[in-house]
Amino acid sequence: MVAAVSGAVDERVPPFDVTAERHTLGSMLVSERAIPDVVRILGTDGRRFFRPAHQLIYEAILAVHERGQVPDPVVVADELTKWGDLARAGGAPYLADLYG
């Protein structure tokens, strides 16, 4: 949000923690049992994540999980490829890094 405040520009952004986002996504990739707990807290909207790549990964994990598949890095990468978003999400190496 950008607003004029006493002639100055206020460039505040919502609080975020990229490390927490990475750990959240990693936990979902490592153990699908974590997914219901995360969804209970964050909901199903990937926009709760600050980084657009993390938004895409979150939504892909949920889509894979909803189909009854195990959302490991390979399956999530395949989902993102189908959406045409694998590169925007950081690529397969980034997903593997989240997993590890």
PDB file of N, CA and C in Angstrom:
ATOM      1  N   MET A   1       0.846  -1.160   0.000  1.00  0.00           N
ATOM      2  CA  MET A   1       0.000   0.000   0.000  1.00  0.00           C
ATOM      3  C   MET A   1       0.897   1.229   0.000  1.00  0.00           C
ATOM      4  N   VAL A   2       0.595   2.174  -0.858  1.00  0.00           N
ATOM      5  CA  VAL A   2       1.353   3.417  -0.907  1.00  0.00           C
ATOM      6  C   VAL A   2       0.381   4.550  -0.639  1.00  0.00           C
ATOM      7  N   ALA A   3       0.687   5.377   0.347  1.00  0.00           N
ATOM      8  CA  ALA A   3      -0.195   6.490   0.698  1.00  0.00           C
ATOM      9  C   ALA A   3       0.656   7.685   1.070  1.00  0.00           C
ATOM     10  N   ALA A   4       0.129   8.855   0.801  1.00  0.00           N
ATOM     11  CA  ALA A   4       0.837  10.077   1.177  1.00  0.00           C
ATOM     12  C   ALA A   4       0.627  10.336   2.659  1.00  0.00           C
ATOM     13  N   VAL A   5       1.718  10.540   3.357  1.00  0.00           N
ATOM     14  CA  VAL A   5       1.665  10.835   4.781  1.00  0.00           C
ATOM     15  C   VAL A   5       2.557  12.046   5.012  1.00  0.00           C
ATOM     16  N   SER A   6       1.961  13.190   5.302  1.00  0.00           N
ATOM     17  CA  SER A   6       2.722  14.423   5.526  1.00  0.00           C
ATOM     18  C   SER A   6       3.696  14.697   4.391  1.00  0.00           C
ATOM     19  N   GLY A   7       3.256  14.436   3.161  1.00  0.00           N
ATOM     20  CA  GLY A   7       4.101  14.706   2.015  1.00  0.00           C
ATOM     21  C   GLY A   7       5.094  13.602   1.709  1.00  0.00           C
ATOM     22  N   ALA A   8       5.227  12.624   2.568  1.00  0.00           N
ATOM     23  CA  ALA A   8       6.150  11.511   2.349  1.00  0.00           C
ATOM     24  C   ALA A   8       5.376  10.318   1.810  1.00  0.00           C
ATOM     25  N   VAL A   9       6.086   9.401   1.225  1.00  0.00           N
ATOM     26  CA  VAL A   9       5.458   8.183   0.706  1.00  0.00           C
ATOM     27  C   VAL A   9       5.615   7.085   1.746  1.00  0.00           C
ATOM     28  N   ASP A  10       4.498   6.474   2.100  1.00  0.00           N
ATOM     29  CA  ASP A  10       4.482   5.383   3.069  1.00  0.00           C
ATOM     30  C   ASP A  10       4.467   4.080   2.286  1.00  0.00           C
ATOM     31  N   GLU A  11       5.542   3.312   2.360  1.00  0.00           N
ATOM     32  CA  GLU A  11       5.655   2.079   1.593  1.00  0.00           C
ATOM     33  C   GLU A  11       5.587   0.858   2.493  1.00  0.00           C
ATOM     34  N   ARG A  12       4.639   0.849   3.400  1.00  0.00           N
ATOM     35  CA  ARG A  12       4.491  -0.284   4.303  1.00  0.00           C
ATOM     36  C   ARG A  12       4.014  -1.517   3.567  1.00  0.00           C
ATOM     37  N   VAL A  13       4.485  -2.650   4.023  1.00  0.00           N
ATOM     38  CA  VAL A  13       4.026  -3.942   3.510  1.00  0.00           C
ATOM     39  C   VAL A  13       3.596  -4.775   4.700  1.00  0.00           C
ATOM     40  N   PRO A  14       2.713  -5.725   4.479  1.00  0.00           N
ATOM     41  CA  PRO A  14       2.286  -6.565   5.599  1.00  0.00           C
ATOM     42  C   PRO A  14       3.476  -7.348   6.144  1.00  0.00           C
ATOM     43  N   PRO A  15       3.438  -7.714   7.404  1.00  0.00           N
ATOM     44  CA  PRO A  15       4.539  -8.505   7.955  1.00  0.00           C
ATOM     45  C   PRO A  15       4.626  -9.855   7.263  1.00  0.00           C
ATOM     46  N   PHE A  16       5.844 -10.318   7.081  1.00  0.00           N
ATOM     47  CA  PHE A  16       6.028 -11.624   6.459  1.00  0.00           C
ATOM     48  C   PHE A  16       7.342 -12.214   6.932  1.00  0.00           C
ATOM     49  N   ASP A  17       7.458 -13.516   6.777  1.00  0.00           N
ATOM     50  CA  ASP A  17       8.663 -14.234   7.163  1.00  0.00           C
ATOM     51  C   ASP A  17       8.884 -15.319   6.118  1.00  0.00           C
ATOM     52  N   VAL A  18       9.789 -15.042   5.194  1.00  0.00           N
ATOM     53  CA  VAL A  18      10.035 -15.974   4.097  1.00  0.00           C
ATOM     54  C   VAL A  18      10.536 -17.322   4.620  1.00  0.00           C
ATOM     55  N   THR A  19      11.314 -17.298   5.689  1.00  0.00           N
ATOM     56  CA  THR A  19      11.795 -18.558   6.264  1.00  0.00           C
ATOM     57  C   THR A  19      10.628 -19.390   6.785  1.00  0.00           C
ATOM     58  N   ALA A  20       9.682 -18.754   7.441  1.00  0.00           N
ATOM     59  CA  ALA A  20       8.495 -19.471   7.931  1.00  0.00           C
ATOM     60  C   ALA A  20       7.690 -20.026   6.766  1.00  0.00           C
ATOM     61  N   GLU A  21       7.582 -19.260   5.691  1.00  0.00           N
ATOM     62  CA  GLU A  21       6.869 -19.750   4.512  1.00  0.00           C
ATOM     63  C   GLU A  21       7.562 -20.995   3.957  1.00  0.00           C
ATOM     64  N   ARG A  22       8.888 -20.936   3.847  1.00  0.00           N
ATOM     65  CA  ARG A  22       9.649 -22.087   3.327  1.00  0.00           C
ATOM     66  C   ARG A  22       9.456 -23.319   4.208  1.00  0.00           C
ATOM     67  N   HIS A  23       9.517 -23.123   5.518  1.00  0.00           N
ATOM     68  CA  HIS A  23       9.346 -24.265   6.429  1.00  0.00           C
ATOM     69  C   HIS A  23       7.927 -24.830   6.366  1.00  0.00           C
ATOM     70  N   THR A  24       6.952 -23.969   6.209  1.00  0.00           N
ATOM     71  CA  THR A  24       5.567 -24.426   6.095  1.00  0.00           C
ATOM     72  C   THR A  24       5.394 -25.292   4.856  1.00  0.00           C
ATOM     73  N   LEU A  25       5.871 -24.796   3.726  1.00  0.00           N
ATOM     74  CA  LEU A  25       5.751 -25.560   2.486  1.00  0.00           C
ATOM     75  C   LEU A  25       6.566 -26.853   2.562  1.00  0.00           C
ATOM     76  N   GLY A  26       7.748 -26.769   3.134  1.00  0.00           N
ATOM     77  CA  GLY A  26       8.579 -27.961   3.283  1.00  0.00           C
ATOM     78  C   GLY A  26       7.907 -29.025   4.122  1.00  0.00           C
ATOM     79  N   SER A  27       7.257 -28.596   5.208  1.00  0.00           N
ATOM     80  CA  SER A  27       6.568 -29.579   6.061  1.00  0.00           C
ATOM     81  C   SER A  27       5.434 -30.256   5.304  1.00  0.00           C
ATOM     82  N   MET A  28       4.771 -29.521   4.422  1.00  0.00           N
ATOM     83  CA  MET A  28       3.683 -30.087   3.642  1.00  0.00           C
ATOM     84  C   MET A  28       4.201 -31.080   2.601  1.00  0.00           C
ATOM     85  N   LEU A  29       5.409 -30.819   2.082  1.00  0.00           N
ATOM     86  CA  LEU A  29       6.010 -31.729   1.103  1.00  0.00           C
ATOM     87  C   LEU A  29       6.566 -32.981   1.769  1.00  0.00           C
ATOM     88  N   VAL A  30       7.088 -32.840   2.971  1.00  0.00           N
ATOM     89  CA  VAL A  30       7.682 -33.974   3.686  1.00  0.00           C
ATOM     90  C   VAL A  30       6.612 -34.890   4.262  1.00  0.00           C
ATOM     91  N   SER A  31       5.546 -34.292   4.815  1.00  0.00           N
ATOM     92  CA  SER A  31       4.505 -35.092   5.456  1.00  0.00           C
ATOM     93  C   SER A  31       3.131 -34.546   5.108  1.00  0.00           C
ATOM     94  N   GLU A  32       2.398 -35.317   4.337  1.00  0.00           N
ATOM     95  CA  GLU A  32       1.058 -34.853   3.968  1.00  0.00           C
ATOM     96  C   GLU A  32       0.137 -34.750   5.178  1.00  0.00           C
ATOM     97  N   ARG A  33       0.530 -35.356   6.294  1.00  0.00           N
ATOM     98  CA  ARG A  33      -0.269 -35.222   7.523  1.00  0.00           C
ATOM     99  C   ARG A  33      -0.268 -33.785   8.046  1.00  0.00           C
ATOM    100  N   ALA A  34       0.709 -32.989   7.619  1.00  0.00           N
ATOM    101  CA  ALA A  34       0.774 -31.588   8.046  1.00  0.00           C
ATOM    102  C   ALA A  34      -0.240 -30.719   7.297  1.00  0.00           C
ATOM    103  N   ILE A  35      -0.688 -31.168   6.161  1.00  0.00           N
ATOM    104  CA  ILE A  35      -1.538 -30.337   5.302  1.00  0.00           C
ATOM    105  C   ILE A  35      -2.833 -29.905   5.993  1.00  0.00           C
ATOM    106  N   PRO A  36      -3.610 -30.793   6.615  1.00  0.00           N
ATOM    107  CA  PRO A  36      -4.842 -30.327   7.273  1.00  0.00           C
ATOM    108  C   PRO A  36      -4.590 -29.281   8.357  1.00  0.00           C
ATOM    109  N   ASP A  37      -3.500 -29.435   9.096  1.00  0.00           N
ATOM    110  CA  ASP A  37      -3.190 -28.456  10.137  1.00  0.00           C
ATOM    111  C   ASP A  37      -2.867 -27.095   9.528  1.00  0.00           C
ATOM    112  N   VAL A  38      -2.088 -27.098   8.454  1.00  0.00           N
ATOM    113  CA  VAL A  38      -1.736 -25.841   7.795  1.00  0.00           C
ATOM    114  C   VAL A  38      -2.983 -25.185   7.207  1.00  0.00           C
ATOM    115  N   VAL A  39      -3.823 -25.972   6.555  1.00  0.00           N
ATOM    116  CA  VAL A  39      -5.051 -25.431   5.953  1.00  0.00           C
ATOM    117  C   VAL A  39      -5.978 -24.884   7.026  1.00  0.00           C
ATOM    118  N   ARG A  40      -6.026 -25.534   8.163  1.00  0.00           N
ATOM    119  CA  ARG A  40      -6.869 -25.052   9.262  1.00  0.00           C
ATOM    120  C   ARG A  40      -6.417 -23.652   9.715  1.00  0.00           C
ATOM    121  N   ILE A  41      -5.120 -23.397   9.656  1.00  0.00           N
ATOM    122  CA  ILE A  41      -4.577 -22.109  10.086  1.00  0.00           C
ATOM    123  C   ILE A  41      -4.609 -21.080   8.963  1.00  0.00           C
ATOM    124  N   LEU A  42      -4.199 -21.479   7.756  1.00  0.00           N
ATOM    125  CA  LEU A  42      -4.050 -20.526   6.655  1.00  0.00           C
ATOM    126  C   LEU A  42      -5.215 -20.503   5.668  1.00  0.00           C
ATOM    127  N   GLY A  43      -6.036 -21.524   5.684  1.00  0.00           N
ATOM    128  CA  GLY A  43      -7.095 -21.607   4.689  1.00  0.00           C
ATOM    129  C   GLY A  43      -6.545 -22.148   3.381  1.00  0.00           C
ATOM    130  N   THR A  44      -7.332 -22.039   2.343  1.00  0.00           N
ATOM    131  CA  THR A  44      -6.929 -22.593   1.053  1.00  0.00           C
ATOM    132  C   THR A  44      -6.437 -21.538   0.076  1.00  0.00           C
ATOM    133  N   ASP A  45      -6.369 -20.302   0.495  1.00  0.00           N
ATOM    134  CA  ASP A  45      -5.950 -19.213  -0.375  1.00  0.00           C
ATOM    135  C   ASP A  45      -4.437 -19.017  -0.282  1.00  0.00           C
ATOM    136  N   GLY A  46      -3.748 -19.273  -1.373  1.00  0.00           N
ATOM    137  CA  GLY A  46      -2.304 -19.121  -1.406  1.00  0.00           C
ATOM    138  C   GLY A  46      -1.831 -17.693  -1.211  1.00  0.00           C
ATOM    139  N   ARG A  47      -2.739 -16.735  -1.326  1.00  0.00           N
ATOM    140  CA  ARG A  47      -2.332 -15.334  -1.160  1.00  0.00           C
ATOM    141  C   ARG A  47      -1.946 -14.994   0.272  1.00  0.00           C
ATOM    142  N   ARG A  48      -2.087 -15.938   1.189  1.00  0.00           N
ATOM    143  CA  ARG A  48      -1.606 -15.727   2.561  1.00  0.00           C
ATOM    144  C   ARG A  48      -0.085 -15.710   2.600  1.00  0.00           C
ATOM    145  N   PHE A  49       0.555 -16.241   1.546  1.00  0.00           N
ATOM    146  CA  PHE A  49       2.006 -16.234   1.441  1.00  0.00           C
ATOM    147  C   PHE A  49       2.454 -14.947   0.767  1.00  0.00           C
ATOM    148  N   PHE A  50       3.563 -14.395   1.217  1.00  0.00           N
ATOM    149  CA  PHE A  50       4.065 -13.141   0.672  1.00  0.00           C
ATOM    150  C   PHE A  50       4.691 -13.341  -0.709  1.00  0.00           C
ATOM    151  N   ARG A  51       5.521 -14.363  -0.847  1.00  0.00           N
ATOM    152  CA  ARG A  51       6.201 -14.590  -2.127  1.00  0.00           C
ATOM    153  C   ARG A  51       5.258 -15.256  -3.120  1.00  0.00           C
ATOM    154  N   PRO A  52       5.142 -14.687  -4.328  1.00  0.00           N
ATOM    155  CA  PRO A  52       4.279 -15.298  -5.349  1.00  0.00           C
ATOM    156  C   PRO A  52       4.650 -16.752  -5.648  1.00  0.00           C
ATOM    157  N   ALA A  53       5.926 -17.089  -5.625  1.00  0.00           N
ATOM    158  CA  ALA A  53       6.335 -18.478  -5.862  1.00  0.00           C
ATOM    159  C   ALA A  53       5.749 -19.390  -4.798  1.00  0.00           C
ATOM    160  N   HIS A  54       5.740 -18.927  -3.564  1.00  0.00           N
ATOM    161  CA  HIS A  54       5.190 -19.727  -2.470  1.00  0.00           C
ATOM    162  C   HIS A  54       3.676 -19.863  -2.599  1.00  0.00           C
ATOM    163  N   GLN A  55       3.025 -18.834  -3.099  1.00  0.00           N
ATOM    164  CA  GLN A  55       1.580 -18.919  -3.341  1.00  0.00           C
ATOM    165  C   GLN A  55       1.285 -20.039  -4.332  1.00  0.00           C
ATOM    166  N   LEU A  56       2.040 -20.070  -5.420  1.00  0.00           N
ATOM    167  CA  LEU A  56       1.844 -21.107  -6.440  1.00  0.00           C
ATOM    168  C   LEU A  56       2.109 -22.498  -5.881  1.00  0.00           C
ATOM    169  N   ILE A  57       3.197 -22.643  -5.146  1.00  0.00           N
ATOM    170  CA  ILE A  57       3.548 -23.946  -4.588  1.00  0.00           C
ATOM    171  C   ILE A  57       2.466 -24.422  -3.622  1.00  0.00           C
ATOM    172  N   TYR A  58       1.984 -23.534  -2.772  1.00  0.00           N
ATOM    173  CA  TYR A  58       0.931 -23.882  -1.810  1.00  0.00           C
ATOM    174  C   TYR A  58      -0.317 -24.379  -2.541  1.00  0.00           C
ATOM    175  N   GLU A  59      -0.735 -23.638  -3.555  1.00  0.00           N
ATOM    176  CA  GLU A  59      -1.937 -24.026  -4.289  1.00  0.00           C
ATOM    177  C   GLU A  59      -1.741 -25.342  -5.041  1.00  0.00           C
ATOM    178  N   ALA A  60      -0.532 -25.578  -5.551  1.00  0.00           N
ATOM    179  CA  ALA A  60      -0.261 -26.844  -6.240  1.00  0.00           C
ATOM    180  C   ALA A  60      -0.269 -28.011  -5.252  1.00  0.00           C
ATOM    181  N   ILE A  61       0.315 -27.804  -4.081  1.00  0.00           N
ATOM    182  CA  ILE A  61       0.296 -28.855  -3.049  1.00  0.00           C
ATOM    183  C   ILE A  61      -1.147 -29.211  -2.703  1.00  0.00           C
ATOM    184  N   LEU A  62      -1.979 -28.199  -2.511  1.00  0.00           N
ATOM    185  CA  LEU A  62      -3.380 -28.460  -2.158  1.00  0.00           C
ATOM    186  C   LEU A  62      -4.118 -29.164  -3.287  1.00  0.00           C
ATOM    187  N   ALA A  63      -3.862 -28.769  -4.532  1.00  0.00           N
ATOM    188  CA  ALA A  63      -4.528 -29.407  -5.674  1.00  0.00           C
ATOM    189  C   ALA A  63      -4.156 -30.879  -5.764  1.00  0.00           C
ATOM    190  N   VAL A  64      -2.880 -31.171  -5.589  1.00  0.00           N
ATOM    191  CA  VAL A  64      -2.409 -32.563  -5.639  1.00  0.00           C
ATOM    192  C   VAL A  64      -3.021 -33.363  -4.488  1.00  0.00           C
ATOM    193  N   HIS A  65      -3.003 -32.783  -3.316  1.00  0.00           N
ATOM    194  CA  HIS A  65      -3.546 -33.455  -2.127  1.00  0.00           C
ATOM    195  C   HIS A  65      -5.044 -33.726  -2.273  1.00  0.00           C
ATOM    196  N   GLU A  66      -5.769 -32.780  -2.832  1.00  0.00           N
ATOM    197  CA  GLU A  66      -7.223 -32.948  -3.015  1.00  0.00           C
ATOM    198  C   GLU A  66      -7.538 -34.106  -3.951  1.00  0.00           C
ATOM    199  N   ARG A  67      -6.639 -34.403  -4.883  1.00  0.00           N
ATOM    200  CA  ARG A  67      -6.837 -35.532  -5.797  1.00  0.00           C
ATOM    201  C   ARG A  67      -6.408 -36.851  -5.169  1.00  0.00           C
ATOM    202  N   GLY A  68      -5.936 -36.808  -3.925  1.00  0.00           N
ATOM    203  CA  GLY A  68      -5.537 -38.025  -3.241  1.00  0.00           C
ATOM    204  C   GLY A  68      -4.118 -38.468  -3.530  1.00  0.00           C
ATOM    205  N   GLN A  69      -3.339 -37.623  -4.179  1.00  0.00           N
ATOM    206  CA  GLN A  69      -1.953 -37.944  -4.446  1.00  0.00           C
ATOM    207  C   GLN A  69      -1.070 -37.409  -3.322  1.00  0.00           C
ATOM    208  N   VAL A  70       0.086 -38.017  -3.152  1.00  0.00           N
ATOM    209  CA  VAL A  70       1.057 -37.540  -2.175  1.00  0.00           C
ATOM    210  C   VAL A  70       1.810 -36.368  -2.816  1.00  0.00           C
ATOM    211  N   PRO A  71       1.762 -35.203  -2.183  1.00  0.00           N
ATOM    212  CA  PRO A  71       2.395 -34.019  -2.781  1.00  0.00           C
ATOM    213  C   PRO A  71       3.899 -33.941  -2.516  1.00  0.00           C
ATOM    214  N   ASP A  72       4.662 -34.826  -3.162  1.00  0.00           N
ATOM    215  CA  ASP A  72       6.113 -34.747  -3.033  1.00  0.00           C
ATOM    216  C   ASP A  72       6.630 -33.764  -4.095  1.00  0.00           C
ATOM    217  N   PRO A  73       7.899 -33.410  -4.053  1.00  0.00           N
ATOM    218  CA  PRO A  73       8.419 -32.414  -4.992  1.00  0.00           C
ATOM    219  C   PRO A  73       8.230 -32.768  -6.466  1.00  0.00           C
ATOM    220  N   VAL A  74       8.336 -34.042  -6.807  1.00  0.00           N
ATOM    221  CA  VAL A  74       8.187 -34.452  -8.207  1.00  0.00           C
ATOM    222  C   VAL A  74       6.749 -34.257  -8.677  1.00  0.00           C
ATOM    223  N   VAL A  75       5.795 -34.684  -7.865  1.00  0.00           N
ATOM    224  CA  VAL A  75       4.381 -34.570  -8.230  1.00  0.00           C
ATOM    225  C   VAL A  75       3.959 -33.102  -8.269  1.00  0.00           C
ATOM    226  N   VAL A  76       4.428 -32.301  -7.313  1.00  0.00           N
ATOM    227  CA  VAL A  76       4.090 -30.871  -7.294  1.00  0.00           C
ATOM    228  C   VAL A  76       4.732 -30.168  -8.489  1.00  0.00           C
ATOM    229  N   ALA A  77       5.959 -30.543  -8.842  1.00  0.00           N
ATOM    230  CA  ALA A  77       6.604 -29.962 -10.028  1.00  0.00           C
ATOM    231  C   ALA A  77       5.807 -30.287 -11.283  1.00  0.00           C
ATOM    232  N   ASP A  78       5.303 -31.514 -11.367  1.00  0.00           N
ATOM    233  CA  ASP A  78       4.476 -31.910 -12.508  1.00  0.00           C
ATOM    234  C   ASP A  78       3.205 -31.074 -12.566  1.00  0.00           C
ATOM    235  N   GLU A  79       2.588 -30.851 -11.421  1.00  0.00           N
ATOM    236  CA  GLU A  79       1.366 -30.029 -11.366  1.00  0.00           C
ATOM    237  C   GLU A  79       1.658 -28.604 -11.834  1.00  0.00           C
ATOM    238  N   LEU A  80       2.741 -28.041 -11.336  1.00  0.00           N
ATOM    239  CA  LEU A  80       3.110 -26.679 -11.725  1.00  0.00           C
ATOM    240  C   LEU A  80       3.462 -26.596 -13.206  1.00  0.00           C
ATOM    241  N   THR A  81       4.049 -27.661 -13.733  1.00  0.00           N
ATOM    242  CA  THR A  81       4.347 -27.708 -15.169  1.00  0.00           C
ATOM    243  C   THR A  81       3.054 -27.694 -15.977  1.00  0.00           C
ATOM    244  N   LYS A  82       2.061 -28.470 -15.541  1.00  0.00           N
ATOM    245  CA  LYS A  82       0.761 -28.486 -16.218  1.00  0.00           C
ATOM    246  C   LYS A  82       0.131 -27.106 -16.222  1.00  0.00           C
ATOM    247  N   TRP A  83       0.328 -26.360 -15.138  1.00  0.00           N
ATOM    248  CA  TRP A  83      -0.219 -25.002 -15.034  1.00  0.00           C
ATOM    249  C   TRP A  83       0.618 -23.986 -15.807  1.00  0.00           C
ATOM    250  N   GLY A  84       1.810 -24.398 -16.261  1.00  0.00           N
ATOM    251  CA  GLY A  84       2.721 -23.464 -16.928  1.00  0.00           C
ATOM    252  C   GLY A  84       3.430 -22.544 -15.952  1.00  0.00           C
ATOM    253  N   ASP A  85       3.521 -22.958 -14.686  1.00  0.00           N
ATOM    254  CA  ASP A  85       4.058 -22.097 -13.630  1.00  0.00           C
ATOM    255  C   ASP A  85       5.298 -22.643 -12.924  1.00  0.00           C
ATOM    256  N   LEU A  86       5.903 -23.705 -13.434  1.00  0.00           N
ATOM    257  CA  LEU A  86       7.042 -24.278 -12.722  1.00  0.00           C
ATOM    258  C   LEU A  86       8.186 -23.269 -12.593  1.00  0.00           C
ATOM    259  N   ALA A  87       8.508 -22.576 -13.653  1.00  0.00           N
ATOM    260  CA  ALA A  87       9.602 -21.595 -13.593  1.00  0.00           C
ATOM    261  C   ALA A  87       9.267 -20.453 -12.630  1.00  0.00           C
ATOM    262  N   ARG A  88       8.025 -19.990 -12.657  1.00  0.00           N
ATOM    263  CA  ARG A  88       7.617 -18.904 -11.751  1.00  0.00           C
ATOM    264  C   ARG A  88       7.669 -19.336 -10.289  1.00  0.00           C
ATOM    265  N   ALA A  89       7.539 -20.638 -10.049  1.00  0.00           N
ATOM    266  CA  ALA A  89       7.577 -21.155  -8.680  1.00  0.00           C
ATOM    267  C   ALA A  89       9.006 -21.456  -8.220  1.00  0.00           C
ATOM    268  N   GLY A  90       9.985 -21.225  -9.071  1.00  0.00           N
ATOM    269  CA  GLY A  90      11.376 -21.441  -8.686  1.00  0.00           C
ATOM    270  C   GLY A  90      12.008 -22.669  -9.299  1.00  0.00           C
ATOM    271  N   GLY A  91      11.213 -23.472  -9.994  1.00  0.00           N
ATOM    272  CA  GLY A  91      11.741 -24.659 -10.651  1.00  0.00           C
ATOM    273  C   GLY A  91      11.816 -25.867  -9.734  1.00  0.00           C
ATOM    274  N   ALA A  92      12.092 -27.006 -10.339  1.00  0.00           N
ATOM    275  CA  ALA A  92      12.188 -28.257  -9.583  1.00  0.00           C
ATOM    276  C   ALA A  92      13.287 -28.220  -8.519  1.00  0.00           C
ATOM    277  N   PRO A  93      14.443 -27.596  -8.786  1.00  0.00           N
ATOM    278  CA  PRO A  93      15.463 -27.536  -7.726  1.00  0.00           C
ATOM    279  C   PRO A  93      14.984 -26.786  -6.471  1.00  0.00           C
ATOM    280  N   TYR A  94      14.168 -25.760  -6.657  1.00  0.00           N
ATOM    281  CA  TYR A  94      13.661 -25.030  -5.498  1.00  0.00           C
ATOM    282  C   TYR A  94      12.718 -25.916  -4.675  1.00  0.00           C
ATOM    283  N   LEU A  95      11.876 -26.687  -5.351  1.00  0.00           N
ATOM    284  CA  LEU A  95      10.977 -27.602  -4.645  1.00  0.00           C
ATOM    285  C   LEU A  95      11.784 -28.659  -3.884  1.00  0.00           C
ATOM    286  N   ALA A  96      12.828 -29.169  -4.506  1.00  0.00           N
ATOM    287  CA  ALA A  96      13.682 -30.149  -3.834  1.00  0.00           C
ATOM    288  C   ALA A  96      14.359 -29.529  -2.618  1.00  0.00           C
ATOM    289  N   ASP A  97      14.753 -28.263  -2.726  1.00  0.00           N
ATOM    290  CA  ASP A  97      15.364 -27.567  -1.601  1.00  0.00           C
ATOM    291  C   ASP A  97      14.371 -27.396  -0.440  1.00  0.00           C
ATOM    292  N   LEU A  98      13.120 -27.107  -0.761  1.00  0.00           N
ATOM    293  CA  LEU A  98      12.096 -26.993   0.277  1.00  0.00           C
ATOM    294  C   LEU A  98      11.900 -28.332   0.976  1.00  0.00           C
ATOM    295  N   TYR A  99      11.986 -29.386   0.222  1.00  0.00           N
ATOM    296  CA  TYR A  99      11.791 -30.740   0.739  1.00  0.00           C
ATOM    297  C   TYR A  99      12.926 -31.179   1.655  1.00  0.00           C
ATOM    298  N   GLY A 100      14.128 -30.742   1.310  1.00  0.00           N
ATOM    299  CA  GLY A 100      15.322 -31.208   2.021  1.00  0.00           C
ATOM    300  C   GLY A 100      15.591 -30.416   3.212  1.00  0.00           C
TER     301      GLY A 100
END
